[in-house]
Amino acid sequence: MKEHKKYDFLVHNIGEDGEKTYMAIIPAFNNAMVFGDDLEELEKGIEIMVETEIKDLKKAGKPIPKPDRKSKYSGKLIIRIDPVLHEKLSLESKARQMSLNKYIEKKLAVE
């Protein structure tokens, strides 16, 4: 696996009026930012940024961040919410004949 694929990054479309211009943030490296006109260019920039960051950290004798991709996500998330909101979400999920978990997952997936 290429080094850059071991680290999580968040991609945003920052173009205006439907323009495809992207920014990626790499949290493991102090929220390093990379920009690209398309996703291919963005991925290449991420690869270069991660390789450069690792090289610079090694040269400075500083620790390299542990890869994010080794972590496993269980899919279980426990949160506390206002009881009124809990009731509202529960009623909405019942009205749609969905489990509360599936309903909340669907609502969170909307961007």
C-alpha atoms as a PDB file:
ATOM      1  CA  MET A   1       0.000   0.000   0.000  1.00  0.00           C
ATOM      2  CA  LYS A   2       1.293   3.425  -0.901  1.00  0.00           C
ATOM      3  CA  GLU A   3       2.232   5.520   2.113  1.00  0.00           C
ATOM      4  CA  HIS A   4      -0.402   8.208   1.499  1.00  0.00           C
ATOM      5  CA  LYS A   5      -3.204   5.641   1.436  1.00  0.00           C
ATOM      6  CA  LYS A   6      -2.460   4.783   5.069  1.00  0.00           C
ATOM      7  CA  TYR A   7      -3.658   8.193   6.261  1.00  0.00           C
ATOM      8  CA  ASP A   8      -7.169   9.598   6.369  1.00  0.00           C
ATOM      9  CA  PHE A   9      -7.982  12.791   4.519  1.00  0.00           C
ATOM     10  CA  LEU A  10     -11.101  14.848   4.070  1.00  0.00           C
ATOM     11  CA  VAL A  11     -11.987  16.134   0.592  1.00  0.00           C
ATOM     12  CA  HIS A  12     -14.046  19.268  -0.065  1.00  0.00           C
ATOM     13  CA  ASN A  13     -15.234  20.638  -3.396  1.00  0.00           C
ATOM     14  CA  ILE A  14     -14.316  24.317  -3.073  1.00  0.00           C
ATOM     15  CA  GLY A  15     -15.241  25.322  -6.602  1.00  0.00           C
ATOM     16  CA  GLU A  16     -17.914  27.908  -7.206  1.00  0.00           C
ATOM     17  CA  ASP A  17     -20.848  27.704  -9.615  1.00  0.00           C
ATOM     18  CA  GLY A  18     -20.412  23.965 -10.182  1.00  0.00           C
ATOM     19  CA  GLU A  19     -16.681  24.275 -10.850  1.00  0.00           C
ATOM     20  CA  LYS A  20     -14.696  21.204  -9.768  1.00  0.00           C
ATOM     21  CA  THR A  21     -11.846  22.421  -7.591  1.00  0.00           C
ATOM     22  CA  TYR A  22     -10.855  20.363  -4.570  1.00  0.00           C
ATOM     23  CA  MET A  23      -9.113  20.743  -1.243  1.00  0.00           C
ATOM     24  CA  ALA A  24      -7.994  17.872   0.985  1.00  0.00           C
ATOM     25  CA  ILE A  25      -7.115  18.141   4.657  1.00  0.00           C
ATOM     26  CA  ILE A  26      -4.794  15.537   6.188  1.00  0.00           C
ATOM     27  CA  PRO A  27      -5.399  15.574   9.972  1.00  0.00           C
ATOM     28  CA  ALA A  28      -2.403  13.373  10.901  1.00  0.00           C
ATOM     29  CA  PHE A  29      -0.026  16.004   9.563  1.00  0.00           C
ATOM     30  CA  ASN A  30      -1.276  19.087  11.428  1.00  0.00           C
ATOM     31  CA  ASN A  31      -4.217  19.456   9.054  1.00  0.00           C
ATOM     32  CA  ALA A  32      -1.959  19.834   6.017  1.00  0.00           C
ATOM     33  CA  MET A  33      -3.941  21.095   3.014  1.00  0.00           C
ATOM     34  CA  VAL A  34      -3.629  20.087  -0.630  1.00  0.00           C
ATOM     35  CA  PHE A  35      -5.473  21.576  -3.614  1.00  0.00           C
ATOM     36  CA  GLY A  36      -6.276  20.145  -7.045  1.00  0.00           C
ATOM     37  CA  ASP A  37      -8.338  20.898 -10.123  1.00  0.00           C
ATOM     38  CA  ASP A  38      -9.559  17.300 -10.280  1.00  0.00           C
ATOM     39  CA  LEU A  39      -9.521  14.246  -8.011  1.00  0.00           C
ATOM     40  CA  GLU A  40      -6.556  12.666  -9.795  1.00  0.00           C
ATOM     41  CA  GLU A  41      -4.458  15.797  -9.299  1.00  0.00           C
ATOM     42  CA  LEU A  42      -5.637  16.010  -5.687  1.00  0.00           C
ATOM     43  CA  GLU A  43      -4.598  12.422  -4.947  1.00  0.00           C
ATOM     44  CA  LYS A  44      -1.169  13.021  -6.466  1.00  0.00           C
ATOM     45  CA  GLY A  45      -0.826  16.130  -4.287  1.00  0.00           C
ATOM     46  CA  ILE A  46      -1.816  14.129  -1.197  1.00  0.00           C
ATOM     47  CA  GLU A  47       0.788  11.500  -2.066  1.00  0.00           C
ATOM     48  CA  ILE A  48       3.501  14.157  -2.416  1.00  0.00           C
ATOM     49  CA  MET A  49       2.416  15.962   0.772  1.00  0.00           C
ATOM     50  CA  VAL A  50       2.457  12.789   2.902  1.00  0.00           C
ATOM     51  CA  GLU A  51       5.824  11.682   1.519  1.00  0.00           C
ATOM     52  CA  THR A  52       7.281  15.161   2.107  1.00  0.00           C
ATOM     53  CA  GLU A  53       5.875  15.400   5.640  1.00  0.00           C
ATOM     54  CA  ILE A  54       7.271  11.971   6.561  1.00  0.00           C
ATOM     55  CA  LYS A  55      10.667  12.828   5.072  1.00  0.00           C
ATOM     56  CA  ASP A  56      10.784  16.162   6.947  1.00  0.00           C
ATOM     57  CA  LEU A  57       9.743  14.562  10.244  1.00  0.00           C
ATOM     58  CA  LYS A  58      12.397  11.849   9.880  1.00  0.00           C
ATOM     59  CA  LYS A  59      15.032  14.465   9.062  1.00  0.00           C
ATOM     60  CA  ALA A  60      14.040  16.494  12.150  1.00  0.00           C
ATOM     61  CA  GLY A  61      14.101  13.372  14.325  1.00  0.00           C
ATOM     62  CA  LYS A  62      10.413  13.750  15.141  1.00  0.00           C
ATOM     63  CA  PRO A  63       7.916  10.890  15.401  1.00  0.00           C
ATOM     64  CA  ILE A  64       5.935   9.883  12.335  1.00  0.00           C
ATOM     65  CA  PRO A  65       2.151   9.818  12.928  1.00  0.00           C
ATOM     66  CA  LYS A  66       0.740   6.317  13.134  1.00  0.00           C
ATOM     67  CA  PRO A  67      -1.288   5.360  10.062  1.00  0.00           C
ATOM     68  CA  ASP A  68      -5.016   5.946  10.426  1.00  0.00           C
ATOM     69  CA  ARG A  69      -6.004   3.079   8.171  1.00  0.00           C
ATOM     70  CA  LYS A  70      -4.976   0.426  10.678  1.00  0.00           C
ATOM     71  CA  SER A  71      -7.760   1.521  12.982  1.00  0.00           C
ATOM     72  CA  LYS A  72     -10.991  -0.383  12.693  1.00  0.00           C
ATOM     73  CA  TYR A  73     -14.343   1.315  12.923  1.00  0.00           C
ATOM     74  CA  SER A  74     -17.043  -0.796  14.514  1.00  0.00           C
ATOM     75  CA  GLY A  75     -19.922   1.278  13.209  1.00  0.00           C
ATOM     76  CA  LYS A  76     -21.073   1.826  16.783  1.00  0.00           C
ATOM     77  CA  LEU A  77     -21.390   5.423  17.927  1.00  0.00           C
ATOM     78  CA  ILE A  78     -22.811   6.414  21.293  1.00  0.00           C
ATOM     79  CA  ILE A  79     -23.988   9.995  21.742  1.00  0.00           C
ATOM     80  CA  ARG A  80     -26.159  11.868  24.213  1.00  0.00           C
ATOM     81  CA  ILE A  81     -28.906  14.080  22.803  1.00  0.00           C
ATOM     82  CA  ASP A  82     -31.755  16.120  24.214  1.00  0.00           C
ATOM     83  CA  PRO A  83     -34.719  13.844  25.096  1.00  0.00           C
ATOM     84  CA  VAL A  84     -37.053  16.006  22.991  1.00  0.00           C
ATOM     85  CA  LEU A  85     -34.843  15.477  19.933  1.00  0.00           C
ATOM     86  CA  HIS A  86     -34.638  11.754  20.729  1.00  0.00           C
ATOM     87  CA  GLU A  87     -38.449  11.541  20.769  1.00  0.00           C
ATOM     88  CA  LYS A  88     -38.731  13.530  17.517  1.00  0.00           C
ATOM     89  CA  LEU A  89     -36.232  11.285  15.710  1.00  0.00           C
ATOM     90  CA  SER A  90     -37.910   8.175  17.067  1.00  0.00           C
ATOM     91  CA  LEU A  91     -41.328   9.290  15.817  1.00  0.00           C
ATOM     92  CA  GLU A  92     -39.930  10.269  12.403  1.00  0.00           C
ATOM     93  CA  SER A  93     -38.255   6.867  12.054  1.00  0.00           C
ATOM     94  CA  LYS A  94     -41.483   5.048  12.984  1.00  0.00           C
ATOM     95  CA  ALA A  95     -43.426   7.113  10.451  1.00  0.00           C
ATOM     96  CA  ARG A  96     -40.974   5.953   7.792  1.00  0.00           C
ATOM     97  CA  GLN A  97     -41.061   2.353   9.064  1.00  0.00           C
ATOM     98  CA  MET A  98     -37.317   2.414   9.719  1.00  0.00           C
ATOM     99  CA  SER A  99     -35.266   1.601  12.773  1.00  0.00           C
ATOM    100  CA  LEU A 100     -34.054   4.631  14.672  1.00  0.00           C
ATOM    101  CA  ASN A 101     -30.441   3.698  13.872  1.00  0.00           C
ATOM    102  CA  LYS A 102     -31.100   3.407  10.126  1.00  0.00           C
ATOM    103  CA  TYR A 103     -33.052   6.662  10.120  1.00  0.00           C
ATOM    104  CA  ILE A 104     -30.289   8.587  11.897  1.00  0.00           C
ATOM    105  CA  GLU A 105     -27.678   6.997   9.593  1.00  0.00           C
ATOM    106  CA  LYS A 106     -29.680   8.139   6.563  1.00  0.00           C
ATOM    107  CA  LYS A 107     -30.000  11.693   7.957  1.00  0.00           C
ATOM    108  CA  LEU A 108     -26.267  11.886   8.697  1.00  0.00           C
ATOM    109  CA  ALA A 109     -25.317  10.627   5.231  1.00  0.00           C
ATOM    110  CA  VAL A 110     -27.058  13.582   3.544  1.00  0.00           C
ATOM    111  CA  GLU A 111     -24.571  16.305   2.644  1.00  0.00           C
END
